[in-house]
Amino acid sequence: MHVARLLEHKGAEVVTVSRSASVSEALAALAHYEIGALVVTDDGRRIAGILSERDIVRALNVAGPMVLDQRVATLMSINPQTCEPTDVLDDLMGRMTELRIRHLPVVIDGEVSGIVSIGDVVKARIDELEATHRQMVDYISAR
């Protein structure tokens, strides 16, 4: 399955935050939307970075609660890994596992057009396996 197909089912909505937002504001967005990462963008199209729960937790561990008053720009990962709609999910699963990342913004012509999480990829793979299983059971039962 390709990323484009996953986005057809999941949707292409991307929750974003600007570099100038406070980490506290970003944390509120993560909680509100029940997601694990925000794409950082200043114009709503071009990716400046990505900010994950993991980035915030690590910063809190080092600097304490004052991190919440800092700007997103101070914690975000710049030049994040991305993917394209034509990428194959099995390849993404391997890449995400190898790089120990959980979110990949989907990019078309340099602009964000979706986001894929490791959970999305695993769910899609399980759905494929279940469909194959049902087809095999139906085939065997028909004989």
Protein backbone atom coordinates (compact mmCIF):
# COMPACT_ATOMS: atom_id res chain seq x y z
CA MET A 1 0.00 0.00 0.00
CA HIS A 2 1.16 3.52 -0.76
CA VAL A 3 1.02 6.57 1.50
CA ALA A 4 -1.59 8.18 -0.78
CA ARG A 5 -4.00 5.30 -0.15
CA LEU A 6 -3.49 5.49 3.60
CA LEU A 7 -4.24 9.22 3.51
CA GLU A 8 -7.44 8.54 1.53
CA HIS A 9 -8.70 6.49 4.49
CA LYS A 10 -7.13 8.42 7.35
CA GLY A 11 -7.45 11.92 6.00
CA ALA A 12 -4.78 14.45 5.17
CA GLU A 13 -5.35 16.90 8.03
CA VAL A 14 -2.12 18.14 9.57
CA VAL A 15 -2.02 20.01 12.85
CA THR A 16 0.65 22.69 12.68
CA VAL A 17 2.30 25.20 14.95
CA SER A 18 4.49 28.20 14.23
CA ARG A 19 8.08 28.54 15.39
CA SER A 20 7.10 31.52 17.51
CA ALA A 21 4.44 29.66 19.53
CA SER A 22 5.35 28.75 23.08
CA VAL A 23 6.09 25.15 23.96
CA SER A 24 3.14 25.37 26.35
CA GLU A 25 0.85 26.28 23.43
CA ALA A 26 2.25 23.39 21.41
CA LEU A 27 1.69 21.03 24.32
CA ALA A 28 -1.93 22.19 24.56
CA ALA A 29 -2.42 21.45 20.85
CA LEU A 30 -0.89 17.98 21.22
CA ALA A 31 -3.29 17.24 24.09
CA HIS A 32 -6.33 18.78 22.38
CA TYR A 33 -5.89 16.81 19.14
CA GLU A 34 -4.58 13.70 20.95
CA ILE A 35 -1.55 13.47 18.68
CA GLY A 36 2.16 12.93 19.22
CA ALA A 37 3.74 15.53 16.95
CA LEU A 38 3.13 18.89 15.31
CA VAL A 39 4.50 20.03 11.99
CA VAL A 40 6.20 23.38 12.46
CA THR A 41 5.45 25.82 9.65
CA ASP A 42 5.26 29.56 9.41
CA ASP A 43 3.20 29.74 6.23
CA GLY A 44 1.06 26.60 6.55
CA ARG A 45 2.78 24.96 3.58
CA ARG A 46 6.56 24.68 3.94
CA ILE A 47 7.94 22.57 6.76
CA ALA A 48 10.32 24.36 9.12
CA GLY A 49 10.57 21.38 11.49
CA ILE A 50 8.65 18.97 13.66
CA LEU A 51 7.98 19.00 17.39
CA SER A 52 7.10 15.78 19.17
CA GLU A 53 6.04 14.87 22.67
CA ARG A 54 9.41 13.16 22.96
CA ASP A 55 11.23 16.45 22.18
CA ILE A 56 9.29 18.21 24.94
CA VAL A 57 9.80 15.46 27.53
CA ARG A 58 13.55 15.36 26.91
CA ALA A 59 13.80 19.14 27.23
CA LEU A 60 11.75 19.08 30.44
CA ASN A 61 14.13 16.49 31.85
CA VAL A 62 17.14 18.70 31.13
CA ALA A 63 15.84 22.20 31.82
CA GLY A 64 12.71 21.72 33.91
CA PRO A 65 9.38 23.53 33.63
CA MET A 66 10.89 26.75 32.25
CA VAL A 67 10.97 24.92 28.91
CA LEU A 68 7.22 25.52 28.64
CA ASP A 69 7.83 29.26 28.21
CA GLN A 70 10.37 28.79 25.41
CA ARG A 71 9.51 29.10 21.73
CA VAL A 72 8.86 26.01 19.62
CA ALA A 73 11.87 26.98 17.49
CA THR A 74 14.20 26.14 20.38
CA LEU A 75 13.03 22.51 20.66
CA MET A 76 11.85 21.52 17.20
CA SER A 77 13.78 19.08 15.06
CA ILE A 78 14.88 20.86 11.90
CA ASN A 79 15.09 19.11 8.53
CA PRO A 80 12.79 16.27 9.59
CA GLN A 81 12.51 13.09 7.59
CA THR A 82 9.57 13.23 5.18
CA CYS A 83 7.84 10.93 2.74
CA GLU A 84 5.86 11.24 -0.47
CA PRO A 85 2.43 9.91 -1.46
CA THR A 86 4.08 7.34 -3.74
CA ASP A 87 6.16 5.79 -0.94
CA VAL A 88 5.30 2.22 0.06
CA LEU A 89 4.19 1.71 3.67
CA ASP A 90 6.41 -1.35 4.22
CA ASP A 91 9.43 0.80 3.31
CA LEU A 92 8.27 3.54 5.69
CA MET A 93 7.87 1.04 8.52
CA GLY A 94 11.47 -0.04 8.11
CA ARG A 95 12.76 3.51 7.84
CA MET A 96 10.79 4.71 10.86
CA THR A 97 12.01 1.75 12.92
CA GLU A 98 15.62 2.19 11.85
CA LEU A 99 15.62 5.95 12.53
CA ARG A 100 13.54 5.59 15.71
CA ILE A 101 11.00 8.17 14.57
CA ARG A 102 7.24 8.02 14.91
CA HIS A 103 6.00 10.65 12.48
CA LEU A 104 6.69 11.47 8.84
CA PRO A 105 5.19 14.53 7.20
CA VAL A 106 3.98 13.81 3.68
CA VAL A 107 5.35 16.30 1.17
CA ILE A 108 4.31 17.14 -2.39
CA ASP A 109 6.46 19.65 -4.27
CA GLY A 110 8.02 20.86 -1.02
CA GLU A 111 4.68 21.47 0.71
CA VAL A 112 3.12 19.48 3.55
CA SER A 113 0.10 17.47 2.43
CA GLY A 114 -0.39 15.04 5.30
CA ILE A 115 1.35 13.19 8.10
CA VAL A 116 1.85 9.50 8.76
CA SER A 117 2.54 8.00 12.17
CA ILE A 118 4.00 4.60 12.93
CA GLY A 119 0.58 3.73 14.36
CA ASP A 120 -1.06 4.56 11.03
CA VAL A 121 1.42 2.35 9.20
CA VAL A 122 1.00 -0.58 11.59
CA LYS A 123 -2.82 -0.30 11.47
CA ALA A 124 -2.77 -0.29 7.66
CA ARG A 125 -0.54 -3.37 7.63
CA ILE A 126 -2.80 -5.21 10.08
CA ASP A 127 -5.84 -4.30 7.97
CA GLU A 128 -4.09 -5.73 4.90
CA LEU A 129 -3.24 -8.96 6.73
CA GLU A 130 -6.80 -9.33 8.00
CA ALA A 131 -8.19 -8.81 4.48
CA THR A 132 -5.80 -11.44 3.11
CA HIS A 133 -6.81 -13.82 5.90
CA ARG A 134 -10.52 -13.34 5.13
CA GLN A 135 -9.90 -13.95 1.43
CA MET A 136 -8.02 -17.16 2.18
CA VAL A 137 -10.73 -18.42 4.53
CA ASP A 138 -13.42 -17.61 1.94
CA TYR A 139 -11.41 -19.38 -0.76
CA ILE A 140 -10.88 -22.49 1.35
CA SER A 141 -14.50 -22.53 2.53
CA ALA A 142 -15.76 -22.33 -1.07
CA ARG A 143 -13.92 -25.53 -2.04
